[in-house]
């Protein structure tokens, strides 16, 4: 079972995505579907979900704390 903290994070993320403008939502959706395909072919491209999250996580989930 997920911890309360994980559920709160999931709810907050869902809320943020739900409130995106249509263009941003569909761009994010297309990117997520593409990255899922990349991860599904890990045996060919050596890009696991963890590797993709290291590369794409900061770009997708950036906030003001991460900016210089």
C-alpha atoms as a PDB file:
ATOM      1  CA  UNK A   1       0.000   0.000   0.000  1.00  0.00           C
ATOM      2  CA  UNK A   2       1.243   3.482  -0.802  1.00  0.00           C
ATOM      3  CA  UNK A   3       2.106   5.832   2.000  1.00  0.00           C
ATOM      4  CA  UNK A   4       0.047   8.936   2.673  1.00  0.00           C
ATOM      5  CA  UNK A   5       2.880  11.114   1.392  1.00  0.00           C
ATOM      6  CA  UNK A   6       2.977   9.269  -1.951  1.00  0.00           C
ATOM      7  CA  UNK A   7      -0.783   9.640  -2.307  1.00  0.00           C
ATOM      8  CA  UNK A   8      -0.561  13.375  -1.576  1.00  0.00           C
ATOM      9  CA  UNK A   9       2.162  13.778  -4.190  1.00  0.00           C
ATOM     10  CA  UNK A  10       0.095  11.845  -6.747  1.00  0.00           C
ATOM     11  CA  UNK A  11      -2.983  13.974  -6.026  1.00  0.00           C
ATOM     12  CA  UNK A  12      -0.989  17.200  -6.354  1.00  0.00           C
ATOM     13  CA  UNK A  13       0.582  16.052  -9.631  1.00  0.00           C
ATOM     14  CA  UNK A  14      -2.837  15.028 -10.977  1.00  0.00           C
ATOM     15  CA  UNK A  15      -4.221  18.443 -10.027  1.00  0.00           C
ATOM     16  CA  UNK A  16      -1.342  20.249 -11.772  1.00  0.00           C
ATOM     17  CA  UNK A  17      -1.696  18.227 -14.967  1.00  0.00           C
ATOM     18  CA  UNK A  18      -5.486  18.569 -14.950  1.00  0.00           C
ATOM     19  CA  UNK A  19      -5.156  22.358 -14.808  1.00  0.00           C
ATOM     20  CA  UNK A  20      -2.702  22.675 -17.705  1.00  0.00           C
ATOM     21  CA  UNK A  21      -3.863  24.604 -20.771  1.00  0.00           C
ATOM     22  CA  UNK A  22      -4.964  22.287 -23.584  1.00  0.00           C
ATOM     23  CA  UNK A  23      -1.832  22.783 -25.694  1.00  0.00           C
ATOM     24  CA  UNK A  24       0.489  22.036 -22.781  1.00  0.00           C
ATOM     25  CA  UNK A  25      -1.593  19.051 -21.700  1.00  0.00           C
ATOM     26  CA  UNK A  26      -1.525  17.428 -25.149  1.00  0.00           C
ATOM     27  CA  UNK A  27       2.202  18.128 -25.553  1.00  0.00           C
ATOM     28  CA  UNK A  28       2.920  16.501 -22.183  1.00  0.00           C
ATOM     29  CA  UNK A  29       0.626  13.588 -23.070  1.00  0.00           C
ATOM     30  CA  UNK A  30       2.427  12.974 -26.376  1.00  0.00           C
ATOM     31  CA  UNK A  31       5.820  13.163 -24.658  1.00  0.00           C
ATOM     32  CA  UNK A  32       4.772  10.688 -21.960  1.00  0.00           C
ATOM     33  CA  UNK A  33       3.445   8.229 -24.554  1.00  0.00           C
ATOM     34  CA  UNK A  34       6.689   8.545 -26.525  1.00  0.00           C
ATOM     35  CA  UNK A  35       8.872   8.023 -23.446  1.00  0.00           C
ATOM     36  CA  UNK A  36       6.781   4.979 -22.546  1.00  0.00           C
ATOM     37  CA  UNK A  37       7.583   3.493 -25.976  1.00  0.00           C
ATOM     38  CA  UNK A  38      11.275   4.275 -25.490  1.00  0.00           C
ATOM     39  CA  UNK A  39      11.281   2.562 -22.089  1.00  0.00           C
ATOM     40  CA  UNK A  40       9.426  -0.436 -23.527  1.00  0.00           C
ATOM     41  CA  UNK A  41      12.372  -0.931 -25.912  1.00  0.00           C
ATOM     42  CA  UNK A  42      15.027  -0.803 -23.200  1.00  0.00           C
ATOM     43  CA  UNK A  43      16.660  -3.991 -24.459  1.00  0.00           C
ATOM     44  CA  UNK A  44      17.498  -2.213 -27.733  1.00  0.00           C
ATOM     45  CA  UNK A  45      18.241   1.337 -26.592  1.00  0.00           C
ATOM     46  CA  UNK A  46      19.446   0.866 -22.966  1.00  0.00           C
ATOM     47  CA  UNK A  47      17.042   3.594 -21.808  1.00  0.00           C
ATOM     48  CA  UNK A  48      15.182   2.374 -18.752  1.00  0.00           C
ATOM     49  CA  UNK A  49      12.432   4.320 -17.037  1.00  0.00           C
ATOM     50  CA  UNK A  50      15.015   5.335 -14.432  1.00  0.00           C
ATOM     51  CA  UNK A  51      17.415   6.637 -17.094  1.00  0.00           C
ATOM     52  CA  UNK A  52      14.636   8.558 -18.788  1.00  0.00           C
ATOM     53  CA  UNK A  53      13.534  10.068 -15.480  1.00  0.00           C
ATOM     54  CA  UNK A  54      17.065  11.281 -14.756  1.00  0.00           C
ATOM     55  CA  UNK A  55      17.190  13.041 -18.117  1.00  0.00           C
ATOM     56  CA  UNK A  56      13.599  14.231 -18.522  1.00  0.00           C
ATOM     57  CA  UNK A  57      12.466  14.711 -14.916  1.00  0.00           C
ATOM     58  CA  UNK A  58      14.154  18.065 -14.342  1.00  0.00           C
ATOM     59  CA  UNK A  59      12.969  19.377 -17.714  1.00  0.00           C
ATOM     60  CA  UNK A  60       9.347  18.323 -17.188  1.00  0.00           C
ATOM     61  CA  UNK A  61       8.992  18.995 -13.477  1.00  0.00           C
ATOM     62  CA  UNK A  62      11.169  22.102 -13.154  1.00  0.00           C
ATOM     63  CA  UNK A  63      10.314  24.673 -10.555  1.00  0.00           C
ATOM     64  CA  UNK A  64      11.738  27.964  -9.377  1.00  0.00           C
ATOM     65  CA  UNK A  65      14.010  26.238  -6.869  1.00  0.00           C
ATOM     66  CA  UNK A  66      15.912  24.530  -9.685  1.00  0.00           C
ATOM     67  CA  UNK A  67      16.585  27.700 -11.656  1.00  0.00           C
ATOM     68  CA  UNK A  68      19.898  29.551 -11.150  1.00  0.00           C
END
